[in-house]
C-alpha atoms as a PDB file:
ATOM      1  CA  UNK A   1    -159.720 133.318 121.325  1.00  0.00           C
ATOM      2  CA  UNK A   2    -162.220 134.728 123.823  1.00  0.00           C
ATOM      3  CA  UNK A   3    -164.470 131.663 123.518  1.00  0.00           C
ATOM      4  CA  UNK A   4    -161.530 129.307 123.981  1.00  0.00           C
ATOM      5  CA  UNK A   5    -160.437 131.184 127.108  1.00  0.00           C
ATOM      6  CA  UNK A   6    -163.997 131.174 128.486  1.00  0.00           C
ATOM      7  CA  UNK A   7    -164.407 127.425 127.936  1.00  0.00           C
ATOM      8  CA  UNK A   8    -161.012 126.645 129.485  1.00  0.00           C
ATOM      9  CA  UNK A   9    -161.613 128.955 132.473  1.00  0.00           C
ATOM     10  CA  UNK A  10    -165.064 127.467 133.067  1.00  0.00           C
ATOM     11  CA  UNK A  11    -163.720 123.897 132.866  1.00  0.00           C
ATOM     12  CA  UNK A  12    -160.961 124.630 135.377  1.00  0.00           C
ATOM     13  CA  UNK A  13    -163.308 126.460 137.739  1.00  0.00           C
ATOM     14  CA  UNK A  14    -165.909 123.656 137.616  1.00  0.00           C
ATOM     15  CA  UNK A  15    -163.225 121.017 138.170  1.00  0.00           C
ATOM     16  CA  UNK A  16    -161.833 123.068 141.058  1.00  0.00           C
ATOM     17  CA  UNK A  17    -165.259 123.440 142.632  1.00  0.00           C
ATOM     18  CA  UNK A  18    -165.803 119.705 142.261  1.00  0.00           C
ATOM     19  CA  UNK A  19    -162.485 118.960 143.956  1.00  0.00           C
ATOM     20  CA  UNK A  20    -163.342 121.273 146.834  1.00  0.00           C
ATOM     21  CA  UNK A  21    -166.835 119.826 147.312  1.00  0.00           C
ATOM     22  CA  UNK A  22    -166.286 116.104 146.598  1.00  0.00           C
ATOM     23  CA  UNK A  23    -162.655 115.259 145.816  1.00  0.00           C
ATOM     24  CA  UNK A  24    -163.082 111.460 145.941  1.00  0.00           C
ATOM     25  CA  UNK A  25    -165.829 111.584 143.298  1.00  0.00           C
ATOM     26  CA  UNK A  26    -163.825 113.800 140.924  1.00  0.00           C
ATOM     27  CA  UNK A  27    -160.716 111.646 141.309  1.00  0.00           C
ATOM     28  CA  UNK A  28    -162.797 108.530 140.689  1.00  0.00           C
ATOM     29  CA  UNK A  29    -164.330 110.077 137.554  1.00  0.00           C
ATOM     30  CA  UNK A  30    -161.133 111.536 136.064  1.00  0.00           C
ATOM     31  CA  UNK A  31    -158.163 109.197 136.605  1.00  0.00           C
ATOM     32  CA  UNK A  32    -160.364 106.360 137.979  1.00  0.00           C
ATOM     33  CA  UNK A  33    -158.452 106.136 141.240  1.00  0.00           C
ATOM     34  CA  UNK A  34    -159.309 106.091 144.910  1.00  0.00           C
ATOM     35  CA  UNK A  35    -158.435 109.000 147.141  1.00  0.00           C
ATOM     36  CA  UNK A  36    -157.612 108.773 150.816  1.00  0.00           C
ATOM     37  CA  UNK A  37    -155.538 110.312 153.566  1.00  0.00           C
ATOM     38  CA  UNK A  38    -153.492 113.382 152.833  1.00  0.00           C
ATOM     39  CA  UNK A  39    -154.361 113.036 149.143  1.00  0.00           C
ATOM     40  CA  UNK A  40    -157.810 114.341 150.036  1.00  0.00           C
ATOM     41  CA  UNK A  41    -156.341 117.510 151.561  1.00  0.00           C
ATOM     42  CA  UNK A  42    -153.975 118.042 148.628  1.00  0.00           C
ATOM     43  CA  UNK A  43    -156.754 117.527 146.084  1.00  0.00           C
ATOM     44  CA  UNK A  44    -158.861 120.173 147.819  1.00  0.00           C
ATOM     45  CA  UNK A  45    -155.918 122.595 147.714  1.00  0.00           C
ATOM     46  CA  UNK A  46    -155.606 121.851 143.997  1.00  0.00           C
ATOM     47  CA  UNK A  47    -159.319 122.562 143.653  1.00  0.00           C
ATOM     48  CA  UNK A  48    -158.910 125.942 145.312  1.00  0.00           C
ATOM     49  CA  UNK A  49    -156.013 126.710 142.956  1.00  0.00           C
ATOM     50  CA  UNK A  50    -158.121 125.737 139.927  1.00  0.00           C
ATOM     51  CA  UNK A  51    -160.906 128.027 141.121  1.00  0.00           C
ATOM     52  CA  UNK A  52    -158.388 130.872 141.312  1.00  0.00           C
ATOM     53  CA  UNK A  53    -157.118 130.040 137.822  1.00  0.00           C
ATOM     54  CA  UNK A  54    -160.660 130.097 136.465  1.00  0.00           C
ATOM     55  CA  UNK A  55    -161.296 133.479 138.088  1.00  0.00           C
ATOM     56  CA  UNK A  56    -158.053 134.945 136.766  1.00  0.00           C
ATOM     57  CA  UNK A  57    -158.527 133.707 133.214  1.00  0.00           C
ATOM     58  CA  UNK A  58    -162.210 134.434 132.689  1.00  0.00           C
ATOM     59  CA  UNK A  59    -162.276 136.691 129.603  1.00  0.00           C
ATOM     60  CA  UNK A  60    -163.978 140.014 129.401  1.00  0.00           C
ATOM     61  CA  UNK A  61    -163.930 140.658 133.125  1.00  0.00           C
ATOM     62  CA  UNK A  62    -163.181 144.331 133.325  1.00  0.00           C
ATOM     63  CA  UNK A  63    -161.171 145.583 136.238  1.00  0.00           C
ATOM     64  CA  UNK A  64    -163.439 146.414 139.166  1.00  0.00           C
ATOM     65  CA  UNK A  65    -162.349 149.660 140.781  1.00  0.00           C
ATOM     66  CA  UNK A  66    -159.114 149.358 138.808  1.00  0.00           C
ATOM     67  CA  UNK A  67    -158.343 145.838 140.090  1.00  0.00           C
ATOM     68  CA  UNK A  68    -157.283 143.360 137.429  1.00  0.00           C
ATOM     69  CA  UNK A  69    -158.877 139.886 137.490  1.00  0.00           C
ATOM     70  CA  UNK A  70    -155.562 138.274 138.492  1.00  0.00           C
ATOM     71  CA  UNK A  71    -155.419 140.376 141.670  1.00  0.00           C
ATOM     72  CA  UNK A  72    -158.975 139.425 142.600  1.00  0.00           C
ATOM     73  CA  UNK A  73    -158.216 135.766 141.886  1.00  0.00           C
ATOM     74  CA  UNK A  74    -155.113 135.788 144.103  1.00  0.00           C
ATOM     75  CA  UNK A  75    -157.101 137.451 146.883  1.00  0.00           C
ATOM     76  CA  UNK A  76    -159.795 134.759 146.658  1.00  0.00           C
ATOM     77  CA  UNK A  77    -157.195 131.972 146.461  1.00  0.00           C
ATOM     78  CA  UNK A  78    -155.250 133.157 149.505  1.00  0.00           C
ATOM     79  CA  UNK A  79    -158.389 133.643 151.593  1.00  0.00           C
ATOM     80  CA  UNK A  80    -159.707 130.170 150.724  1.00  0.00           C
ATOM     81  CA  UNK A  81    -156.334 128.458 151.256  1.00  0.00           C
ATOM     82  CA  UNK A  82    -155.861 130.227 154.597  1.00  0.00           C
ATOM     83  CA  UNK A  83    -159.211 129.036 155.905  1.00  0.00           C
ATOM     84  CA  UNK A  84    -158.796 125.505 154.544  1.00  0.00           C
ATOM     85  CA  UNK A  85    -155.292 125.065 156.007  1.00  0.00           C
ATOM     86  CA  UNK A  86    -156.506 126.553 159.283  1.00  0.00           C
ATOM     87  CA  UNK A  87    -159.330 124.019 159.309  1.00  0.00           C
ATOM     88  CA  UNK A  88    -156.838 121.202 158.711  1.00  0.00           C
ATOM     89  CA  UNK A  89    -154.600 122.448 161.493  1.00  0.00           C
ATOM     90  CA  UNK A  90    -157.387 122.876 164.017  1.00  0.00           C
ATOM     91  CA  UNK A  91    -158.713 119.422 163.120  1.00  0.00           C
ATOM     92  CA  UNK A  92    -155.298 118.061 164.064  1.00  0.00           C
ATOM     93  CA  UNK A  93    -155.372 115.214 161.550  1.00  0.00           C
ATOM     94  CA  UNK A  94    -152.782 116.363 158.998  1.00  0.00           C
ATOM     95  CA  UNK A  95    -150.462 118.681 160.881  1.00  0.00           C
ATOM     96  CA  UNK A  96    -146.797 118.722 159.934  1.00  0.00           C
ATOM     97  CA  UNK A  97    -143.939 121.150 160.413  1.00  0.00           C
ATOM     98  CA  UNK A  98    -144.845 123.533 157.591  1.00  0.00           C
ATOM     99  CA  UNK A  99    -148.624 123.660 158.051  1.00  0.00           C
ATOM    100  CA  UNK A 100    -148.694 126.607 160.467  1.00  0.00           C
ATOM    101  CA  UNK A 101    -146.079 128.608 158.541  1.00  0.00           C
ATOM    102  CA  UNK A 102    -148.157 128.000 155.390  1.00  0.00           C
ATOM    103  CA  UNK A 103    -151.272 129.258 157.190  1.00  0.00           C
ATOM    104  CA  UNK A 104    -149.373 132.384 158.236  1.00  0.00           C
ATOM    105  CA  UNK A 105    -147.910 133.036 154.775  1.00  0.00           C
ATOM    106  CA  UNK A 106    -151.310 132.730 153.079  1.00  0.00           C
ATOM    107  CA  UNK A 107    -152.987 134.817 155.778  1.00  0.00           C
ATOM    108  CA  UNK A 108    -150.399 137.580 155.356  1.00  0.00           C
ATOM    109  CA  UNK A 109    -150.768 137.440 151.570  1.00  0.00           C
ATOM    110  CA  UNK A 110    -154.576 137.549 151.858  1.00  0.00           C
ATOM    111  CA  UNK A 111    -154.410 140.612 154.108  1.00  0.00           C
ATOM    112  CA  UNK A 112    -151.861 142.238 151.824  1.00  0.00           C
ATOM    113  CA  UNK A 113    -154.005 141.621 148.718  1.00  0.00           C
ATOM    114  CA  UNK A 114    -157.033 142.915 150.615  1.00  0.00           C
ATOM    115  CA  UNK A 115    -155.208 146.110 151.583  1.00  0.00           C
ATOM    116  CA  UNK A 116    -154.102 146.597 147.988  1.00  0.00           C
ATOM    117  CA  UNK A 117    -157.714 146.233 146.826  1.00  0.00           C
ATOM    118  CA  UNK A 118    -158.818 148.956 149.267  1.00  0.00           C
ATOM    119  CA  UNK A 119    -156.296 151.523 148.067  1.00  0.00           C
ATOM    120  CA  UNK A 120    -157.706 154.039 145.637  1.00  0.00           C
ATOM    121  CA  UNK A 121    -156.256 153.736 142.164  1.00  0.00           C
ATOM    122  CA  UNK A 122    -154.322 156.750 140.931  1.00  0.00           C
ATOM    123  CA  UNK A 123    -156.044 158.644 138.166  1.00  0.00           C
ATOM    124  CA  UNK A 124    -154.216 160.209 135.292  1.00  0.00           C
ATOM    125  CA  UNK A 125    -154.174 164.011 135.373  1.00  0.00           C
ATOM    126  CA  UNK A 126    -156.738 165.580 133.093  1.00  0.00           C
ATOM    127  CA  UNK A 127    -155.418 166.189 129.650  1.00  0.00           C
ATOM    128  CA  UNK A 128    -152.791 163.436 129.955  1.00  0.00           C
ATOM    129  CA  UNK A 129    -152.463 160.987 127.122  1.00  0.00           C
ATOM    130  CA  UNK A 130    -152.470 157.269 127.863  1.00  0.00           C
END
């Protein structure tokens, strides 16, 4: 099961990284289609999501300072999405009514996840049973 999860997580993370770096190439290699316009922006967002999925599902990653992998993955996802959407908005090419609210929502979530990661984890009192 661990090997299966590792292979699947690695595949999704590599695909996500490919979509972030060169979406048109990945789309040409997978479904053999051309990518243009807003599809490029959406494919990069999908790539960021796949990177987060790969981070969350990688097996054997012990919690760091008590933080589960899913929390770290959501922190990374929200930071990356915030900066990418901000870049789109400042570029002015693909700006619609929900772009700036989406930037704000992801920025707030990123800050919230970051604050949660800074909080010390409660320790069980000595002698307590798990």
